[in-house]
Amino acid sequence: RHDPCVALRGVPVVEAMAAIVLADAKLRHRAQMG
């Protein structure tokens, strides 16, 4: 049972994870710069 609803539900999750990773990288870069 593989319905497309699962794929549609996964999109916002992937987007949120990408946003968290980008924000984390930006904060780490700012912390390293001083």
N, C-alpha and C. Protein backbone atom coordinates (compact mmCIF):
# COMPACT_ATOMS: atom_id res chain seq x y z
N ARG A 1 0.84 -1.20 0.00
CA ARG A 1 0.00 0.00 0.00
C ARG A 1 0.87 1.24 0.00
N HIS A 2 1.02 1.81 -1.18
CA HIS A 2 1.87 3.00 -1.29
C HIS A 2 1.06 4.11 -1.93
N ASP A 3 0.55 5.02 -1.10
CA ASP A 3 -0.24 6.12 -1.64
C ASP A 3 0.61 7.39 -1.73
N PRO A 4 0.30 8.26 -2.69
CA PRO A 4 1.09 9.49 -2.88
C PRO A 4 0.98 10.46 -1.71
N CYS A 5 0.04 10.21 -0.81
CA CYS A 5 -0.14 11.10 0.34
C CYS A 5 1.12 11.11 1.20
N VAL A 6 1.82 9.98 1.27
CA VAL A 6 3.03 9.90 2.08
C VAL A 6 4.10 10.82 1.50
N ALA A 7 4.24 10.80 0.17
CA ALA A 7 5.25 11.64 -0.47
C ALA A 7 4.94 13.12 -0.23
N LEU A 8 3.65 13.48 -0.35
CA LEU A 8 3.27 14.87 -0.13
C LEU A 8 3.54 15.29 1.31
N ARG A 9 3.38 14.35 2.23
CA ARG A 9 3.60 14.68 3.64
C ARG A 9 5.10 14.82 3.92
N GLY A 10 5.93 14.14 3.13
CA GLY A 10 7.37 14.18 3.38
C GLY A 10 8.01 15.48 2.92
N VAL A 11 7.37 16.19 1.98
CA VAL A 11 7.98 17.41 1.45
C VAL A 11 8.22 18.46 2.53
N PRO A 12 7.21 18.85 3.32
CA PRO A 12 7.45 19.86 4.37
C PRO A 12 8.48 19.41 5.39
N VAL A 13 8.55 18.11 5.63
CA VAL A 13 9.54 17.60 6.59
C VAL A 13 10.94 17.84 6.05
N VAL A 14 11.15 17.52 4.78
CA VAL A 14 12.46 17.72 4.16
C VAL A 14 12.80 19.20 4.13
N GLU A 15 11.83 20.04 3.81
CA GLU A 15 12.07 21.48 3.77
C GLU A 15 12.44 22.00 5.16
N ALA A 16 11.76 21.52 6.18
CA ALA A 16 12.06 21.95 7.54
C ALA A 16 13.46 21.51 7.95
N MET A 17 13.83 20.27 7.60
CA MET A 17 15.17 19.78 7.93
C MET A 17 16.23 20.62 7.23
N ALA A 18 15.98 20.97 5.96
CA ALA A 18 16.95 21.78 5.21
C ALA A 18 17.08 23.16 5.86
N ALA A 19 15.96 23.74 6.28
CA ALA A 19 16.00 25.05 6.92
C ALA A 19 16.78 24.99 8.23
N ILE A 20 16.59 23.92 9.00
CA ILE A 20 17.30 23.77 10.27
C ILE A 20 18.80 23.62 10.02
N VAL A 21 19.16 22.82 9.01
CA VAL A 21 20.58 22.61 8.71
C VAL A 21 21.22 23.92 8.27
N LEU A 22 20.53 24.69 7.43
CA LEU A 22 21.09 25.96 6.95
C LEU A 22 21.24 26.94 8.11
N ALA A 23 20.23 27.02 8.97
CA ALA A 23 20.31 27.94 10.11
C ALA A 23 21.44 27.52 11.05
N ASP A 24 21.60 26.21 11.26
CA ASP A 24 22.66 25.72 12.14
C ASP A 24 24.02 26.06 11.56
N ALA A 25 24.19 25.88 10.25
CA ALA A 25 25.47 26.18 9.61
C ALA A 25 25.77 27.67 9.71
N LYS A 26 24.75 28.50 9.54
CA LYS A 26 24.96 29.95 9.62
C LYS A 26 25.38 30.35 11.03
N LEU A 27 24.72 29.77 12.04
CA LEU A 27 25.06 30.11 13.43
C LEU A 27 26.47 29.63 13.76
N ARG A 28 26.83 28.43 13.29
CA ARG A 28 28.18 27.91 13.57
C ARG A 28 29.23 28.79 12.92
N HIS A 29 28.97 29.22 11.68
CA HIS A 29 29.93 30.08 10.98
C HIS A 29 30.11 31.39 11.74
N ARG A 30 29.00 31.95 12.20
CA ARG A 30 29.06 33.22 12.94
C ARG A 30 29.82 33.02 14.26
N ALA A 31 29.64 31.87 14.90
CA ALA A 31 30.33 31.60 16.17
C ALA A 31 31.83 31.45 15.94
N GLN A 32 32.21 30.82 14.83
CA GLN A 32 33.63 30.62 14.55
C GLN A 32 34.31 31.95 14.21
N MET A 33 33.59 32.86 13.57
CA MET A 33 34.18 34.14 13.19
C MET A 33 34.46 35.00 14.42
N GLY A 34 33.84 34.67 15.54
CA GLY A 34 34.10 35.44 16.74
C GLY A 34 32.86 36.16 17.16
